[in-house]
C-alpha atoms as a PDB file:
ATOM      1  CA  MET A   1      -9.619   1.197  27.342  1.00  0.00           C
ATOM      2  CA  PRO A   2      -6.280   0.018  25.853  1.00  0.00           C
ATOM      3  CA  LYS A   3      -3.179   2.130  26.706  1.00  0.00           C
ATOM      4  CA  LYS A   4      -1.556   4.117  23.773  1.00  0.00           C
ATOM      5  CA  ASP A   5       1.704   2.252  24.359  1.00  0.00           C
ATOM      6  CA  ASP A   6      -0.045  -1.086  23.972  1.00  0.00           C
ATOM      7  CA  SER A   7      -1.725   0.095  20.739  1.00  0.00           C
ATOM      8  CA  ASN A   8       1.617   1.429  19.324  1.00  0.00           C
ATOM      9  CA  ARG A   9       3.365  -1.764  20.221  1.00  0.00           C
ATOM     10  CA  SER A  10       0.595  -3.884  18.518  1.00  0.00           C
ATOM     11  CA  GLU A  11       0.849  -1.613  15.429  1.00  0.00           C
ATOM     12  CA  ARG A  12       4.678  -2.044  15.428  1.00  0.00           C
ATOM     13  CA  LEU A  13       4.369  -5.855  15.845  1.00  0.00           C
ATOM     14  CA  GLU A  14       1.826  -6.219  13.002  1.00  0.00           C
ATOM     15  CA  LEU A  15       4.015  -4.102  10.675  1.00  0.00           C
ATOM     16  CA  ALA A  16       7.094  -6.192  11.649  1.00  0.00           C
ATOM     17  CA  ARG A  17       5.134  -9.343  11.033  1.00  0.00           C
ATOM     18  CA  ARG A  18       3.936  -8.063   7.510  1.00  0.00           C
ATOM     19  CA  LEU A  19       7.509  -7.175   6.553  1.00  0.00           C
ATOM     20  CA  HIS A  20       8.824 -10.584   7.904  1.00  0.00           C
ATOM     21  CA  ASP A  21       6.165 -12.598   6.071  1.00  0.00           C
ATOM     22  CA  GLY A  22       6.397 -10.612   2.853  1.00  0.00           C
ATOM     23  CA  PRO A  23       9.460  -8.749   1.696  1.00  0.00           C
ATOM     24  CA  ALA A  24      11.942 -10.256   4.084  1.00  0.00           C
ATOM     25  CA  GLN A  25      11.163 -13.809   3.118  1.00  0.00           C
ATOM     26  CA  GLN A  26      11.011 -12.901  -0.490  1.00  0.00           C
ATOM     27  CA  LEU A  27      14.536 -11.346  -0.372  1.00  0.00           C
ATOM     28  CA  ILE A  28      15.835 -14.490   1.251  1.00  0.00           C
ATOM     29  CA  SER A  29      14.190 -16.725  -1.293  1.00  0.00           C
ATOM     30  CA  LEU A  30      15.603 -14.629  -4.102  1.00  0.00           C
ATOM     31  CA  GLY A  31      19.077 -14.991  -2.564  1.00  0.00           C
ATOM     32  CA  TYR A  32      18.761 -18.798  -2.523  1.00  0.00           C
ATOM     33  CA  LYS A  33      17.731 -18.655  -6.287  1.00  0.00           C
ATOM     34  CA  LEU A  34      20.715 -16.525  -7.054  1.00  0.00           C
ATOM     35  CA  ASP A  35      22.887 -19.101  -5.245  1.00  0.00           C
ATOM     36  CA  GLU A  36      21.613 -21.831  -7.546  1.00  0.00           C
ATOM     37  CA  VAL A  37      22.400 -19.637 -10.691  1.00  0.00           C
ATOM     38  CA  ILE A  38      25.959 -18.918  -9.344  1.00  0.00           C
ATOM     39  CA  GLY A  39      26.499 -22.627  -8.967  1.00  0.00           C
ATOM     40  CA  ASP A  40      25.545 -23.378 -12.585  1.00  0.00           C
ATOM     41  CA  PRO A  41      28.750 -24.856 -14.295  1.00  0.00           C
ATOM     42  CA  ASP A  42      27.531 -23.362 -17.632  1.00  0.00           C
ATOM     43  CA  LEU A  43      27.548 -19.797 -16.369  1.00  0.00           C
ATOM     44  CA  SER A  44      30.427 -17.682 -17.798  1.00  0.00           C
ATOM     45  CA  ASN A  45      32.959 -16.345 -15.210  1.00  0.00           C
ATOM     46  CA  THR A  46      31.903 -12.748 -16.125  1.00  0.00           C
ATOM     47  CA  ASN A  47      28.248 -13.408 -15.341  1.00  0.00           C
ATOM     48  CA  ARG A  48      29.147 -15.489 -12.228  1.00  0.00           C
ATOM     49  CA  ARG A  49      31.077 -12.307 -10.888  1.00  0.00           C
ATOM     50  CA  LEU A  50      28.212  -9.935 -11.650  1.00  0.00           C
ATOM     51  CA  ILE A  51      25.593 -12.228 -10.061  1.00  0.00           C
ATOM     52  CA  ARG A  52      27.834 -12.803  -7.043  1.00  0.00           C
ATOM     53  CA  GLN A  53      28.112  -9.051  -6.489  1.00  0.00           C
ATOM     54  CA  ALA A  54      24.326  -8.754  -6.910  1.00  0.00           C
ATOM     55  CA  ARG A  55      23.961 -11.608  -4.186  1.00  0.00           C
ATOM     56  CA  LEU A  56      26.331  -9.804  -1.881  1.00  0.00           C
ATOM     57  CA  ASP A  57      24.307  -6.547  -2.372  1.00  0.00           C
ATOM     58  CA  LEU A  58      21.163  -8.471  -1.599  1.00  0.00           C
ATOM     59  CA  ILE A  59      22.731  -9.917   1.522  1.00  0.00           C
ATOM     60  CA  ASP A  60      23.404  -6.323   2.620  1.00  0.00           C
ATOM     61  CA  LEU A  61      19.905  -5.213   1.874  1.00  0.00           C
ATOM     62  CA  THR A  62      18.481  -8.279   3.785  1.00  0.00           C
ATOM     63  CA  ASN A  63      20.631  -7.549   6.782  1.00  0.00           C
ATOM     64  CA  ASP A  64      19.630  -3.920   6.803  1.00  0.00           C
ATOM     65  CA  LEU A  65      15.870  -4.991   6.705  1.00  0.00           C
ATOM     66  CA  ARG A  66      16.453  -7.601   9.463  1.00  0.00           C
ATOM     67  CA  ASP A  67      17.957  -4.834  11.589  1.00  0.00           C
ATOM     68  CA  GLU A  68      14.963  -2.523  11.022  1.00  0.00           C
ATOM     69  CA  LEU A  69      12.637  -5.498  11.722  1.00  0.00           C
ATOM     70  CA  TYR A  70      14.585  -6.059  14.956  1.00  0.00           C
ATOM     71  CA  LEU A  71      13.996  -2.473  16.112  1.00  0.00           C
ATOM     72  CA  LEU A  72      10.264  -2.707  15.232  1.00  0.00           C
ATOM     73  CA  GLU A  73       9.718  -6.109  16.792  1.00  0.00           C
ATOM     74  CA  ARG A  74      11.975  -6.116  19.849  1.00  0.00           C
ATOM     75  CA  LEU A  75      10.270  -8.873  21.712  1.00  0.00           C
ATOM     76  CA  SER A  76      10.926 -10.349  25.187  1.00  0.00           C
ATOM     77  CA  ILE A  77      10.524 -13.957  25.951  1.00  0.00           C
ATOM     78  CA  LYS A  78       7.494 -12.977  27.911  1.00  0.00           C
ATOM     79  CA  ASP A  79       5.946 -11.298  24.869  1.00  0.00           C
ATOM     80  CA  ALA A  80       6.744 -14.391  22.753  1.00  0.00           C
ATOM     81  CA  VAL A  81       5.073 -16.710  25.152  1.00  0.00           C
ATOM     82  CA  ALA A  82       2.006 -14.511  25.247  1.00  0.00           C
ATOM     83  CA  GLU A  83       1.793 -14.505  21.441  1.00  0.00           C
ATOM     84  CA  VAL A  84       2.350 -18.328  21.341  1.00  0.00           C
ATOM     85  CA  ARG A  85      -0.548 -18.776  23.649  1.00  0.00           C
ATOM     86  CA  GLU A  86      -2.761 -16.656  21.322  1.00  0.00           C
ATOM     87  CA  LEU A  87      -1.496 -18.421  18.177  1.00  0.00           C
ATOM     88  CA  LEU A  88      -1.791 -21.936  19.532  1.00  0.00           C
ATOM     89  CA  VAL A  89      -4.969 -21.330  21.630  1.00  0.00           C
ATOM     90  CA  ASP A  90      -6.151 -24.982  21.337  1.00  0.00           C
ATOM     91  CA  LEU A  91      -2.895 -26.560  22.578  1.00  0.00           C
ATOM     92  CA  ASP A  92      -1.574 -27.139  26.011  1.00  0.00           C
ATOM     93  CA  ILE A  93       1.348 -24.796  26.355  1.00  0.00           C
ATOM     94  CA  GLU A  94       4.208 -25.614  28.727  1.00  0.00           C
ATOM     95  CA  VAL A  95       6.717 -23.074  29.676  1.00  0.00           C
ATOM     96  CA  SER A  96       9.807 -23.361  32.033  1.00  0.00           C
ATOM     97  CA  SER A  97       9.676 -20.981  34.870  1.00  0.00           C
ATOM     98  CA  PRO A  98      11.604 -18.899  35.656  1.00  0.00           C
ATOM     99  CA  LEU A  99      13.282 -18.362  32.341  1.00  0.00           C
ATOM    100  CA  GLU A 100      16.982 -17.197  32.197  1.00  0.00           C
ATOM    101  CA  LYS A 101      17.626 -13.492  31.892  1.00  0.00           C
ATOM    102  CA  LEU A 102      19.461 -12.787  28.656  1.00  0.00           C
ATOM    103  CA  ASP A 103      20.923  -9.689  27.034  1.00  0.00           C
ATOM    104  CA  GLU A 104      18.290  -7.697  25.081  1.00  0.00           C
ATOM    105  CA  ARG A 105      19.323  -8.574  21.505  1.00  0.00           C
ATOM    106  CA  THR A 106      19.670 -12.285  22.259  1.00  0.00           C
ATOM    107  CA  GLU A 107      16.308 -12.346  24.051  1.00  0.00           C
ATOM    108  CA  SER A 108      14.560 -10.599  21.127  1.00  0.00           C
ATOM    109  CA  VAL A 109      16.069 -12.986  18.512  1.00  0.00           C
ATOM    110  CA  LEU A 110      15.325 -16.002  20.612  1.00  0.00           C
ATOM    111  CA  ALA A 111      11.766 -14.742  21.026  1.00  0.00           C
ATOM    112  CA  GLN A 112      11.457 -14.476  17.164  1.00  0.00           C
ATOM    113  CA  ILE A 113      12.785 -18.033  16.786  1.00  0.00           C
ATOM    114  CA  ILE A 114      10.241 -19.240  19.345  1.00  0.00           C
ATOM    115  CA  LEU A 115       7.443 -17.477  17.367  1.00  0.00           C
ATOM    116  CA  GLU A 116       8.609 -18.936  14.045  1.00  0.00           C
ATOM    117  CA  LEU A 117       8.554 -22.413  15.464  1.00  0.00           C
ATOM    118  CA  ALA A 118       5.127 -21.802  16.868  1.00  0.00           C
ATOM    119  CA  ARG A 119       3.861 -20.462  13.511  1.00  0.00           C
ATOM    120  CA  ASN A 120       5.351 -23.618  11.906  1.00  0.00           C
ATOM    121  CA  CYS A 121       3.473 -25.715  14.531  1.00  0.00           C
ATOM    122  CA  ALA A 122       0.249 -23.994  13.742  1.00  0.00           C
ATOM    123  CA  ARG A 123       0.634 -24.490   9.933  1.00  0.00           C
ATOM    124  CA  HIS A 124       2.082 -27.968   9.789  1.00  0.00           C
ATOM    125  CA  SER A 125       1.457 -29.942  12.961  1.00  0.00           C
ATOM    126  CA  SER A 126      -1.439 -31.990  14.436  1.00  0.00           C
ATOM    127  CA  ALA A 127      -0.049 -31.228  17.931  1.00  0.00           C
ATOM    128  CA  SER A 128      -1.914 -31.118  21.252  1.00  0.00           C
ATOM    129  CA  LYS A 129       1.089 -29.792  23.272  1.00  0.00           C
ATOM    130  CA  PHE A 130       3.789 -27.166  22.645  1.00  0.00           C
ATOM    131  CA  TRP A 131       6.612 -26.569  25.001  1.00  0.00           C
ATOM    132  CA  ILE A 132       9.452 -24.044  25.731  1.00  0.00           C
ATOM    133  CA  ARG A 133      11.844 -25.440  28.193  1.00  0.00           C
ATOM    134  CA  GLN A 134      15.167 -24.302  29.495  1.00  0.00           C
ATOM    135  CA  GLU A 135      18.122 -25.991  31.045  1.00  0.00           C
ATOM    136  CA  ARG A 136      21.595 -24.878  32.145  1.00  0.00           C
ATOM    137  CA  VAL A 137      24.456 -27.116  31.014  1.00  0.00           C
ATOM    138  CA  GLY A 138      27.803 -25.907  32.224  1.00  0.00           C
ATOM    139  CA  ASN A 139      28.255 -22.325  30.898  1.00  0.00           C
ATOM    140  CA  SER A 140      25.430 -22.672  28.370  1.00  0.00           C
ATOM    141  CA  VAL A 141      21.718 -22.267  28.415  1.00  0.00           C
ATOM    142  CA  ILE A 142      19.570 -24.458  26.160  1.00  0.00           C
ATOM    143  CA  PHE A 143      16.107 -23.682  25.183  1.00  0.00           C
ATOM    144  CA  LYS A 144      14.130 -26.507  23.881  1.00  0.00           C
ATOM    145  CA  VAL A 145      11.099 -25.746  21.782  1.00  0.00           C
ATOM    146  CA  GLY A 146       8.852 -28.503  20.435  1.00  0.00           C
ATOM    147  CA  ASN A 147       5.533 -30.120  20.136  1.00  0.00           C
ATOM    148  CA  ASP A 148       3.960 -33.543  20.105  1.00  0.00           C
ATOM    149  CA  GLY A 149       2.574 -33.395  16.577  1.00  0.00           C
ATOM    150  CA  ALA A 150       4.012 -34.521  13.292  1.00  0.00           C
ATOM    151  CA  PRO A 151       7.934 -34.773  13.200  1.00  0.00           C
ATOM    152  CA  GLY A 152       9.702 -31.593  12.468  1.00  0.00           C
ATOM    153  CA  LEU A 153      11.505 -30.496   9.357  1.00  0.00           C
ATOM    154  CA  ALA A 154      15.259 -30.358   9.122  1.00  0.00           C
ATOM    155  CA  VAL A 155      16.347 -26.858   9.789  1.00  0.00           C
ATOM    156  CA  LYS A 156      18.584 -26.437   6.777  1.00  0.00           C
ATOM    157  CA  SER A 157      16.827 -28.480   4.161  1.00  0.00           C
ATOM    158  CA  TYR A 158      13.095 -27.683   3.934  1.00  0.00           C
ATOM    159  CA  SER A 159      11.028 -24.636   4.505  1.00  0.00           C
ATOM    160  CA  LEU A 160      12.227 -21.054   4.073  1.00  0.00           C
ATOM    161  CA  GLY A 161      10.755 -20.298   7.632  1.00  0.00           C
ATOM    162  CA  LEU A 162      12.954 -22.942   9.162  1.00  0.00           C
ATOM    163  CA  ARG A 163      15.979 -21.725   7.216  1.00  0.00           C
ATOM    164  CA  LEU A 164      15.364 -18.377   8.654  1.00  0.00           C
ATOM    165  CA  VAL A 165      15.377 -19.815  12.183  1.00  0.00           C
ATOM    166  CA  SER A 166      18.810 -21.230  11.489  1.00  0.00           C
ATOM    167  CA  GLU A 167      20.000 -17.781  10.263  1.00  0.00           C
ATOM    168  CA  GLN A 168      18.501 -16.173  13.221  1.00  0.00           C
ATOM    169  CA  ALA A 169      20.358 -18.556  15.498  1.00  0.00           C
ATOM    170  CA  ASN A 170      23.571 -17.626  13.739  1.00  0.00           C
ATOM    171  CA  LEU A 171      22.862 -13.847  14.501  1.00  0.00           C
ATOM    172  CA  ILE A 172      23.294 -14.541  18.241  1.00  0.00           C
ATOM    173  CA  ASN A 173      26.058 -17.240  17.841  1.00  0.00           C
ATOM    174  CA  ALA A 174      23.679 -19.923  18.978  1.00  0.00           C
ATOM    175  CA  SER A 175      23.563 -23.537  17.668  1.00  0.00           C
ATOM    176  CA  ILE A 176      20.359 -25.110  16.810  1.00  0.00           C
ATOM    177  CA  GLU A 177      19.569 -28.936  16.467  1.00  0.00           C
ATOM    178  CA  LEU A 178      16.490 -30.840  15.670  1.00  0.00           C
ATOM    179  CA  HIS A 179      15.653 -33.957  17.693  1.00  0.00           C
ATOM    180  CA  SER A 180      12.653 -35.898  16.472  1.00  0.00           C
ATOM    181  CA  ASP A 181      10.878 -39.253  16.684  1.00  0.00           C
ATOM    182  CA  ARG A 182       7.592 -40.644  15.445  1.00  0.00           C
ATOM    183  CA  ASP A 183       5.586 -38.640  18.112  1.00  0.00           C
ATOM    184  CA  SER A 184       7.307 -35.386  18.531  1.00  0.00           C
ATOM    185  CA  TRP A 185       9.988 -32.883  17.463  1.00  0.00           C
ATOM    186  CA  GLU A 186      12.092 -30.546  19.583  1.00  0.00           C
ATOM    187  CA  TYR A 187      14.505 -27.810  18.521  1.00  0.00           C
ATOM    188  CA  ALA A 188      17.420 -27.369  21.010  1.00  0.00           C
ATOM    189  CA  ILE A 189      18.784 -23.811  20.917  1.00  0.00           C
ATOM    190  CA  LYS A 190      22.069 -23.536  22.671  1.00  0.00           C
ATOM    191  CA  LEU A 191      23.260 -20.205  23.885  1.00  0.00           C
ATOM    192  CA  ASP A 192      26.761 -19.709  25.248  1.00  0.00           C
ATOM    193  CA  SER A 193      27.505 -17.761  28.485  1.00  0.00           C
ATOM    194  CA  SER A 194      28.106 -14.342  26.649  1.00  0.00           C
ATOM    195  CA  ALA A 195      24.389 -14.210  25.931  1.00  0.00           C
ATOM    196  CA  ILE A 196      23.492 -14.453  29.577  1.00  0.00           C
END
């Protein structure tokens, strides 16, 4: 019989997923559309100011929702790895061990990034392998998340999900870069020493 805590956690994660995949992404998409309107050279200055204020209000709302999602979701890397294994059940999953201990917020955001990249792999890739690797370089820790399927998509230029990954990385002052070739793609997420 499942424990009550496990049941509550599953319900929280499901609610967080539905909010992330629905309203949160819709708000961010709406923000990008407003950015396009603000950039229209034919827009009057008065309307530009009004729309810019609406955009700033939307950013506040999106950040408030993101904070609430964080409280609902609060994942560990271990939780994310377990979900990746369930999501990509037919793939060979490689995980570095042991993974670096991070502060709670950084770990949760990094776990969400890993899950978004795994969801992207499930939707858009013909991969047979998915990996989560970690290495220490000087005072930084770099997590490398990738697969051997179709090449990845540029973080800032294509899908809303991948733009969200970039924004999440910014929340924890991490940098994220895509490295790809014909046979694989890999995102390198670099954390500085303050996150460790």
